[in-house]
Amino acid sequence: MRNLIRSEFKKIFFLKSSRIYILTLIVLSLVLGLIFSLTTNVTQGKAITDLSSMDVLSANMLGVDLANIMLIIFTAISISKEFSTKLINVSLVITPNRKKFFLGKIITFFLLSTAISIIVVILAYLASQLILTVNDMPRVTLQDLAVRQFILGVMTMPIFYAIITVAAVFLFNSGAGAITFSLGVMALPALIKMFSNSIQRTLLPVFPQSAIHSLAGVVKKGSGESLGTIASMCLLLAWIIMTSLAANAKFQKQDI
């Protein structure tokens, strides 16, 4: 398995375009977060000094949303390209065990998304500290439980969506289908929130966004998204397990 994962990383970083894309992803997420935090007078109608330190951190962390979307696209295209170019045939000759091959993809993009998520979140956190210092505002500290919870919750998002995107590529046998699936899962809760509270309380707890928001501690009390820590983790694992099992089952039967 170790050799398989190593080869998967070589496939990703062999291409100069992939290295540039990942670097661009990190830079753009940082820039977007800075834009949101430095333009609060336009976006929120408040000067930055009128906001709490936590609000400034939250604004900078919005760049992680962009990183998440770009990572979904990168994951889907990277894997689907292997199918479209028929490189999958060579890969399966080298690794005929399809379950092992599929698991290798999951682990590879789990590790990649974890590394990217950590880098992006750390940069956003440091940018927040710099902005707070320049504006003579109290800095956020990792000793604060709420800050740690928020950061860890935000960090979970790119990792989760990268994993289900891997599964979605195998499930739909299409990069476009995987992107649509992952972005749809991420965006549907916004549509559900337009309906009545009873519908929200029924449907929102089913979606990963509720779990991620709960883990980050940004859910209001009484909200349909409100879940406990254990329930949130179980929900995310359930999504990963169900999509992975369905994708692997199709991959085993697929004639390639």
Protein backbone atom coordinates (compact mmCIF):
# COMPACT_ATOMS: atom_id res chain seq x y z
CA MET A 1 0.00 0.00 0.00
CA ARG A 2 2.86 2.38 0.82
CA ASN A 3 4.33 1.96 -2.67
CA LEU A 4 0.91 2.45 -4.22
CA ILE A 5 0.36 5.71 -2.34
CA ARG A 6 3.86 6.89 -3.24
CA SER A 7 3.14 6.23 -6.92
CA GLU A 8 -0.16 8.10 -6.67
CA PHE A 9 1.63 11.15 -5.31
CA LYS A 10 4.15 10.92 -8.14
CA LYS A 11 1.26 10.94 -10.63
CA ILE A 12 -0.06 14.12 -9.05
CA PHE A 13 3.17 16.08 -8.64
CA PHE A 14 4.86 14.88 -11.84
CA LEU A 15 2.76 17.35 -13.80
CA LYS A 16 3.90 20.95 -13.54
CA SER A 17 0.31 22.08 -14.03
CA SER A 18 -0.75 20.19 -10.89
CA ARG A 19 1.99 21.79 -8.80
CA ILE A 20 1.05 25.24 -10.08
CA TYR A 21 -2.66 24.59 -9.42
CA ILE A 22 -2.06 23.57 -5.81
CA LEU A 23 0.17 26.59 -5.20
CA THR A 24 -2.43 28.85 -6.81
CA LEU A 25 -5.13 27.28 -4.64
CA ILE A 26 -3.20 28.13 -1.48
CA VAL A 27 -2.38 31.69 -2.57
CA LEU A 28 -5.90 32.51 -3.76
CA SER A 29 -7.49 31.20 -0.57
CA LEU A 30 -5.22 33.46 1.47
CA VAL A 31 -5.93 36.45 -0.77
CA LEU A 32 -9.69 35.91 -0.67
CA GLY A 33 -9.64 35.68 3.12
CA LEU A 34 -7.67 38.94 3.31
CA ILE A 35 -10.12 40.63 0.94
CA PHE A 36 -13.09 39.61 3.09
CA SER A 37 -11.42 40.72 6.32
CA LEU A 38 -10.15 44.04 4.95
CA THR A 39 -13.38 45.11 3.23
CA THR A 40 -15.82 44.73 6.11
CA ASN A 41 -16.88 48.35 5.68
CA VAL A 42 -18.31 47.32 2.32
CA THR A 43 -19.44 43.73 2.97
CA GLN A 44 -20.81 44.27 6.49
CA GLY A 45 -21.11 48.03 6.75
CA LYS A 46 -18.73 48.05 9.72
CA ALA A 47 -15.16 49.15 10.21
CA ILE A 48 -12.83 46.30 11.05
CA THR A 49 -12.26 47.80 14.51
CA ASP A 50 -15.98 47.48 15.20
CA LEU A 51 -15.78 43.71 14.80
CA SER A 52 -14.72 41.16 17.36
CA SER A 53 -11.41 39.36 16.97
CA MET A 54 -13.34 36.17 16.26
CA ASP A 55 -15.21 37.90 13.42
CA VAL A 56 -11.91 38.86 11.83
CA LEU A 57 -10.71 35.27 12.09
CA SER A 58 -13.98 34.03 10.58
CA ALA A 59 -13.64 36.45 7.66
CA ASN A 60 -10.14 35.21 6.90
CA MET A 61 -11.27 31.60 7.11
CA LEU A 62 -13.75 32.22 4.27
CA GLY A 63 -10.79 31.68 1.98
CA VAL A 64 -10.93 28.01 2.98
CA ASP A 65 -14.26 27.77 1.12
CA LEU A 66 -12.45 28.69 -2.10
CA ALA A 67 -9.70 26.19 -1.32
CA ASN A 68 -12.39 23.55 -0.78
CA ILE A 69 -14.04 24.21 -4.15
CA MET A 70 -10.72 24.27 -6.01
CA LEU A 71 -9.65 21.05 -4.29
CA ILE A 72 -12.90 19.35 -5.32
CA ILE A 73 -12.24 20.33 -8.95
CA PHE A 74 -8.59 19.26 -8.77
CA THR A 75 -9.45 15.88 -7.22
CA ALA A 76 -12.17 15.12 -9.75
CA ILE A 77 -10.10 16.12 -12.78
CA SER A 78 -6.95 14.33 -11.58
CA ILE A 79 -8.72 10.99 -11.17
CA SER A 80 -11.10 11.22 -14.14
CA LYS A 81 -8.15 12.04 -16.41
CA GLU A 82 -6.75 8.61 -15.62
CA PHE A 83 -9.95 7.06 -17.00
CA SER A 84 -10.27 9.32 -20.04
CA THR A 85 -6.64 8.76 -21.12
CA LYS A 86 -6.94 4.99 -20.50
CA LEU A 87 -4.02 5.19 -18.07
CA ILE A 88 -6.32 3.28 -15.72
CA ASN A 89 -5.59 0.13 -17.75
CA VAL A 90 -1.87 0.40 -17.01
CA SER A 91 -2.57 1.18 -13.35
CA LEU A 92 -4.75 -1.90 -12.98
CA VAL A 93 -2.11 -4.11 -14.57
CA ILE A 94 0.34 -2.89 -11.94
CA THR A 95 -2.29 -3.09 -9.16
CA PRO A 96 -4.88 -5.69 -10.23
CA ASN A 97 -6.56 -5.65 -6.81
CA ARG A 98 -9.23 -3.02 -7.44
CA LYS A 99 -10.16 -2.65 -3.80
CA LYS A 100 -6.55 -1.85 -2.96
CA PHE A 101 -6.35 0.54 -5.90
CA PHE A 102 -9.52 2.36 -4.82
CA LEU A 103 -8.36 2.55 -1.20
CA GLY A 104 -5.02 3.90 -2.40
CA LYS A 105 -6.79 6.78 -4.13
CA ILE A 106 -8.83 7.53 -1.01
CA ILE A 107 -5.76 7.56 1.24
CA THR A 108 -3.70 9.62 -1.21
CA PHE A 109 -6.25 12.40 -1.49
CA PHE A 110 -6.96 12.22 2.22
CA LEU A 111 -3.29 12.93 2.91
CA LEU A 112 -3.09 15.59 0.20
CA SER A 113 -6.25 17.39 1.33
CA THR A 114 -5.12 17.21 4.96
CA ALA A 115 -1.80 18.85 4.11
CA ILE A 116 -3.45 21.55 2.00
CA SER A 117 -6.13 22.18 4.62
CA ILE A 118 -3.54 22.59 7.39
CA ILE A 119 -1.45 25.00 5.29
CA VAL A 120 -4.45 27.12 4.25
CA VAL A 121 -5.87 27.30 7.77
CA ILE A 122 -2.51 28.19 9.31
CA LEU A 123 -1.98 30.97 6.76
CA ALA A 124 -5.49 32.32 7.41
CA TYR A 125 -4.88 32.22 11.15
CA LEU A 126 -1.55 34.05 10.85
CA ALA A 127 -3.11 36.62 8.52
CA SER A 128 -5.82 37.23 11.12
CA GLN A 129 -3.22 37.73 13.83
CA LEU A 130 -1.37 40.25 11.65
CA ILE A 131 -4.54 42.22 10.90
CA LEU A 132 -5.55 42.26 14.56
CA THR A 133 -2.09 43.43 15.60
CA VAL A 134 -1.99 46.22 13.01
CA ASN A 135 -5.42 47.46 14.15
CA ASP A 136 -4.52 47.24 17.87
CA MET A 137 -7.21 44.63 18.48
CA PRO A 138 -6.99 41.65 20.88
CA ARG A 139 -5.43 38.67 19.14
CA VAL A 140 -7.13 35.29 19.01
CA THR A 141 -5.27 32.56 20.84
CA LEU A 142 -5.23 28.81 20.42
CA GLN A 143 -5.56 28.54 24.19
CA ASP A 144 -9.17 29.58 23.69
CA LEU A 145 -11.32 26.46 23.30
CA ALA A 146 -13.75 28.23 20.94
CA VAL A 147 -10.89 29.24 18.63
CA ARG A 148 -9.46 25.71 18.56
CA GLN A 149 -12.89 24.23 17.88
CA PHE A 150 -13.54 26.70 15.07
CA ILE A 151 -10.19 26.08 13.39
CA LEU A 152 -10.47 22.29 13.61
CA GLY A 153 -14.02 22.41 12.26
CA VAL A 154 -12.98 24.55 9.30
CA MET A 155 -10.01 22.27 8.65
CA THR A 156 -12.35 19.29 8.37
CA MET A 157 -14.24 20.68 5.37
CA PRO A 158 -11.66 20.31 2.53
CA ILE A 159 -10.65 16.87 3.80
CA PHE A 160 -14.21 15.56 3.84
CA TYR A 161 -15.18 16.90 0.42
CA ALA A 162 -11.96 15.66 -1.19
CA ILE A 163 -12.69 12.13 0.02
CA ILE A 164 -16.28 12.01 -1.21
CA THR A 165 -15.15 13.53 -4.52
CA VAL A 166 -12.74 10.62 -4.99
CA ALA A 167 -15.61 8.21 -4.41
CA ALA A 168 -17.90 10.21 -6.69
CA VAL A 169 -15.49 9.96 -9.63
CA PHE A 170 -15.61 6.16 -9.42
CA LEU A 171 -19.35 6.20 -8.78
CA PHE A 172 -20.27 8.41 -11.76
CA ASN A 173 -17.22 7.55 -13.87
CA SER A 174 -17.01 11.24 -14.64
CA GLY A 175 -15.10 14.25 -13.36
CA ALA A 176 -18.01 16.55 -14.14
CA GLY A 177 -20.40 14.22 -12.33
CA ALA A 178 -18.14 14.12 -9.27
CA ILE A 179 -17.82 17.91 -9.17
CA THR A 180 -21.58 18.33 -9.53
CA PHE A 181 -22.20 15.79 -6.77
CA SER A 182 -19.78 17.33 -4.27
CA LEU A 183 -20.79 20.93 -4.96
CA GLY A 184 -24.45 19.89 -4.86
CA VAL A 185 -24.03 18.25 -1.45
CA MET A 186 -22.30 21.43 -0.26
CA ALA A 187 -24.83 23.87 -1.74
CA LEU A 188 -28.19 22.14 -1.13
CA PRO A 189 -28.43 23.21 2.55
CA ALA A 190 -28.57 26.86 1.41
CA LEU A 191 -31.64 25.98 -0.68
CA ILE A 192 -33.23 24.04 2.17
CA LYS A 193 -32.88 27.07 4.45
CA MET A 194 -35.37 28.89 2.20
CA PHE A 195 -38.13 26.52 3.35
CA SER A 196 -40.05 26.32 6.62
CA ASN A 197 -38.42 25.46 9.95
CA SER A 198 -40.05 22.02 9.99
CA ILE A 199 -38.49 21.13 6.63
CA GLN A 200 -35.16 22.54 7.75
CA ARG A 201 -35.14 20.48 10.94
CA THR A 202 -35.94 17.35 8.92
CA LEU A 203 -33.43 17.75 6.10
CA LEU A 204 -30.51 19.86 7.36
CA PRO A 205 -29.23 17.30 9.91
CA VAL A 206 -28.73 14.84 7.05
CA PHE A 207 -26.21 17.03 5.20
CA PRO A 208 -22.47 17.21 5.96
CA GLN A 209 -22.57 20.98 6.26
CA SER A 210 -24.52 20.67 9.50
CA ALA A 211 -21.86 18.38 10.94
CA ILE A 212 -19.01 20.66 9.83
CA HIS A 213 -20.73 23.76 11.25
CA SER A 214 -21.42 21.93 14.50
CA LEU A 215 -17.81 20.79 14.78
CA ALA A 216 -16.68 24.39 14.17
CA GLY A 217 -19.08 25.66 16.84
CA VAL A 218 -20.78 28.19 14.55
CA VAL A 219 -24.31 26.81 14.78
CA LYS A 220 -26.89 28.88 16.64
CA LYS A 221 -28.80 27.19 19.44
CA GLY A 222 -32.09 25.78 18.24
CA SER A 223 -30.94 25.70 14.62
CA GLY A 224 -31.78 22.73 12.42
CA GLU A 225 -28.05 22.29 11.89
CA SER A 226 -27.33 21.78 15.57
CA LEU A 227 -25.66 18.42 16.16
CA GLY A 228 -23.42 17.10 18.91
CA THR A 229 -19.73 16.39 18.33
CA ILE A 230 -20.15 12.62 18.20
CA ALA A 231 -23.24 12.85 16.00
CA SER A 232 -21.38 15.19 13.64
CA MET A 233 -18.42 12.85 13.31
CA CYS A 234 -20.72 9.88 12.75
CA LEU A 235 -22.62 11.76 10.05
CA LEU A 236 -19.43 12.63 8.14
CA LEU A 237 -18.19 9.05 8.44
CA ALA A 238 -21.56 7.75 7.25
CA TRP A 239 -21.35 9.91 4.10
CA ILE A 240 -17.80 8.74 3.42
CA ILE A 241 -18.62 5.07 4.03
CA MET A 242 -21.81 5.06 1.94
CA THR A 243 -20.31 6.88 -1.05
CA SER A 244 -17.14 4.78 -0.88
CA LEU A 245 -19.01 1.47 -0.69
CA ALA A 246 -21.24 2.42 -3.62
CA ALA A 247 -18.27 3.64 -5.67
CA ASN A 248 -16.15 0.58 -4.92
CA ALA A 249 -19.02 -1.78 -5.74
CA LYS A 250 -19.43 -0.17 -9.16
CA PHE A 251 -15.68 -0.10 -9.78
CA GLN A 252 -15.42 -3.84 -9.08
CA LYS A 253 -18.03 -4.63 -11.72
CA GLN A 254 -16.93 -2.02 -14.27
CA ASP A 255 -15.48 -3.38 -17.50
CA ILE A 256 -12.27 -1.42 -18.13
